[in-house]
Amino acid sequence: MTRPVLRRLDPAIVGVQACPSCRIRSVKLPGLIHPLCLHCFAAERLPYERQAGGSARYLTACVAGPECPACGSTRVDADGATWWCEACGMRTRVAQ
């Protein structure tokens, strides 16, 4: 399986354009096909997380989603390339 490549989003659409998958929340991060909100981004990444859990040679570094994996807070946000938790300060880059 090839590694997915995520590209930084245009800042003009982050937090403005509606998520094409759910049409409820605004886009925050790049998906494999189109930009996604944090909930849909996490759902799209789930198969890669499962693959990583079952392999000693494959590891995904993506932690972005609607909850912080470190503290469990839902006070998280993203800017198209970076994801962060406002509660504990955890921060990660998720797009090139």
C-alpha atoms as a PDB file:
ATOM      1  CA  MET A   1       0.000   0.000   0.000  1.00  0.00           C
ATOM      2  CA  THR A   2       1.381   3.378  -0.930  1.00  0.00           C
ATOM      3  CA  ARG A   3       1.673   6.086   1.656  1.00  0.00           C
ATOM      4  CA  PRO A   4      -0.928   8.848   1.232  1.00  0.00           C
ATOM      5  CA  VAL A   5       0.430  12.302   0.497  1.00  0.00           C
ATOM      6  CA  LEU A   6      -1.408  15.234   2.030  1.00  0.00           C
ATOM      7  CA  ARG A   7      -0.871  18.766   0.737  1.00  0.00           C
ATOM      8  CA  ARG A   8      -1.363  22.020   2.655  1.00  0.00           C
ATOM      9  CA  LEU A   9      -4.766  23.612   2.036  1.00  0.00           C
ATOM     10  CA  ASP A  10      -5.302  27.087   0.668  1.00  0.00           C
ATOM     11  CA  PRO A  11      -5.724  29.232   3.819  1.00  0.00           C
ATOM     12  CA  ALA A  12      -8.671  31.039   2.203  1.00  0.00           C
ATOM     13  CA  ILE A  13     -10.874  27.918   2.439  1.00  0.00           C
ATOM     14  CA  VAL A  14      -9.849  26.680   5.915  1.00  0.00           C
ATOM     15  CA  GLY A  15     -12.688  27.280   8.352  1.00  0.00           C
ATOM     16  CA  VAL A  16     -14.812  28.788   5.557  1.00  0.00           C
ATOM     17  CA  GLN A  17     -15.699  26.125   2.979  1.00  0.00           C
ATOM     18  CA  ALA A  18     -18.129  23.387   4.066  1.00  0.00           C
ATOM     19  CA  CYS A  19     -16.758  19.843   4.359  1.00  0.00           C
ATOM     20  CA  PRO A  20     -17.728  17.976   1.147  1.00  0.00           C
ATOM     21  CA  SER A  21     -18.253  14.722   3.087  1.00  0.00           C
ATOM     22  CA  CYS A  22     -20.580  15.745   5.917  1.00  0.00           C
ATOM     23  CA  ARG A  23     -21.630  19.258   4.806  1.00  0.00           C
ATOM     24  CA  ILE A  24     -21.947  20.150   8.520  1.00  0.00           C
ATOM     25  CA  ARG A  25     -18.554  21.449   9.631  1.00  0.00           C
ATOM     26  CA  SER A  26     -15.967  23.553   7.807  1.00  0.00           C
ATOM     27  CA  VAL A  27     -12.815  22.130   6.240  1.00  0.00           C
ATOM     28  CA  LYS A  28      -9.703  22.087   8.414  1.00  0.00           C
ATOM     29  CA  LEU A  29      -7.266  19.563   6.887  1.00  0.00           C
ATOM     30  CA  PRO A  30      -6.537  17.966   3.506  1.00  0.00           C
ATOM     31  CA  GLY A  31      -8.075  14.613   2.744  1.00  0.00           C
ATOM     32  CA  LEU A  32      -6.887  12.145   0.155  1.00  0.00           C
ATOM     33  CA  ILE A  33      -9.386  13.444  -2.430  1.00  0.00           C
ATOM     34  CA  HIS A  34     -10.786  16.724  -1.071  1.00  0.00           C
ATOM     35  CA  PRO A  35     -10.444  18.884   2.071  1.00  0.00           C
ATOM     36  CA  LEU A  36     -12.205  17.564   5.185  1.00  0.00           C
ATOM     37  CA  CYS A  37     -13.383  18.678   8.630  1.00  0.00           C
ATOM     38  CA  LEU A  38     -11.605  17.185  11.666  1.00  0.00           C
ATOM     39  CA  HIS A  39     -14.271  14.463  12.155  1.00  0.00           C
ATOM     40  CA  CYS A  40     -14.220  13.301   8.524  1.00  0.00           C
ATOM     41  CA  PHE A  41     -10.402  13.555   8.422  1.00  0.00           C
ATOM     42  CA  ALA A  42     -10.145  11.198  11.414  1.00  0.00           C
ATOM     43  CA  ALA A  43     -12.625   8.758   9.822  1.00  0.00           C
ATOM     44  CA  GLU A  44     -10.620   8.739   6.574  1.00  0.00           C
ATOM     45  CA  ARG A  45      -7.393   8.039   8.487  1.00  0.00           C
ATOM     46  CA  LEU A  46      -8.847   5.155  10.553  1.00  0.00           C
ATOM     47  CA  PRO A  47      -7.902   2.381   8.058  1.00  0.00           C
ATOM     48  CA  TYR A  48      -4.277   3.616   8.063  1.00  0.00           C
ATOM     49  CA  GLU A  49      -4.250   3.631  11.873  1.00  0.00           C
ATOM     50  CA  ARG A  50      -5.519   0.027  11.895  1.00  0.00           C
ATOM     51  CA  GLN A  51      -2.858  -0.997   9.386  1.00  0.00           C
ATOM     52  CA  ALA A  52      -0.169   0.606  11.518  1.00  0.00           C
ATOM     53  CA  GLY A  53      -1.397  -1.251  14.607  1.00  0.00           C
ATOM     54  CA  GLY A  54      -1.007  -4.596  12.864  1.00  0.00           C
ATOM     55  CA  SER A  55       2.416  -4.072  11.361  1.00  0.00           C
ATOM     56  CA  ALA A  56       5.873  -3.699  12.821  1.00  0.00           C
ATOM     57  CA  ARG A  57       7.100  -1.976   9.658  1.00  0.00           C
ATOM     58  CA  TYR A  58       4.344   0.567   9.003  1.00  0.00           C
ATOM     59  CA  LEU A  59       3.776   3.576  11.199  1.00  0.00           C
ATOM     60  CA  THR A  60       1.517   6.566  10.743  1.00  0.00           C
ATOM     61  CA  ALA A  61       2.311   9.756  12.623  1.00  0.00           C
ATOM     62  CA  CYS A  62      -1.108  11.343  12.176  1.00  0.00           C
ATOM     63  CA  VAL A  63      -2.831  12.188  15.464  1.00  0.00           C
ATOM     64  CA  ALA A  64      -5.243  14.815  14.102  1.00  0.00           C
ATOM     65  CA  GLY A  65      -8.906  14.387  14.857  1.00  0.00           C
ATOM     66  CA  PRO A  66     -11.791  15.888  16.813  1.00  0.00           C
ATOM     67  CA  GLU A  67     -10.283  14.892  20.193  1.00  0.00           C
ATOM     68  CA  CYS A  68      -6.763  15.214  21.565  1.00  0.00           C
ATOM     69  CA  PRO A  69      -5.109  11.790  21.987  1.00  0.00           C
ATOM     70  CA  ALA A  70      -2.994  13.154  24.848  1.00  0.00           C
ATOM     71  CA  CYS A  71      -5.580  14.817  27.112  1.00  0.00           C
ATOM     72  CA  GLY A  72      -8.935  13.904  25.544  1.00  0.00           C
ATOM     73  CA  SER A  73     -10.023  17.517  25.090  1.00  0.00           C
ATOM     74  CA  THR A  74     -12.262  18.524  22.205  1.00  0.00           C
ATOM     75  CA  ARG A  75     -10.709  22.011  22.172  1.00  0.00           C
ATOM     76  CA  VAL A  76      -8.701  21.244  19.038  1.00  0.00           C
ATOM     77  CA  ASP A  77      -8.232  23.156  15.802  1.00  0.00           C
ATOM     78  CA  ALA A  78      -6.285  23.027  12.529  1.00  0.00           C
ATOM     79  CA  ASP A  79      -5.128  25.501   9.903  1.00  0.00           C
ATOM     80  CA  GLY A  80      -4.828  23.344   6.793  1.00  0.00           C
ATOM     81  CA  ALA A  81      -1.406  21.888   7.584  1.00  0.00           C
ATOM     82  CA  THR A  82      -1.036  21.906  11.390  1.00  0.00           C
ATOM     83  CA  TRP A  83      -3.300  20.460  14.073  1.00  0.00           C
ATOM     84  CA  TRP A  84      -3.188  21.534  17.749  1.00  0.00           C
ATOM     85  CA  CYS A  85      -4.892  21.108  21.120  1.00  0.00           C
ATOM     86  CA  GLU A  86      -5.733  24.314  22.946  1.00  0.00           C
ATOM     87  CA  ALA A  87      -6.035  22.491  26.291  1.00  0.00           C
ATOM     88  CA  CYS A  88      -2.653  20.779  26.597  1.00  0.00           C
ATOM     89  CA  GLY A  89      -0.656  22.475  23.827  1.00  0.00           C
ATOM     90  CA  MET A  90       0.052  19.338  21.768  1.00  0.00           C
ATOM     91  CA  ARG A  91       0.803  20.316  18.172  1.00  0.00           C
ATOM     92  CA  THR A  92       1.562  18.318  15.028  1.00  0.00           C
ATOM     93  CA  ARG A  93       1.994  18.900  11.328  1.00  0.00           C
ATOM     94  CA  VAL A  94      -0.244  16.693   9.183  1.00  0.00           C
ATOM     95  CA  ALA A  95       0.348  18.032   5.656  1.00  0.00           C
ATOM     96  CA  GLN A  96       3.419  18.746   3.588  1.00  0.00           C
END
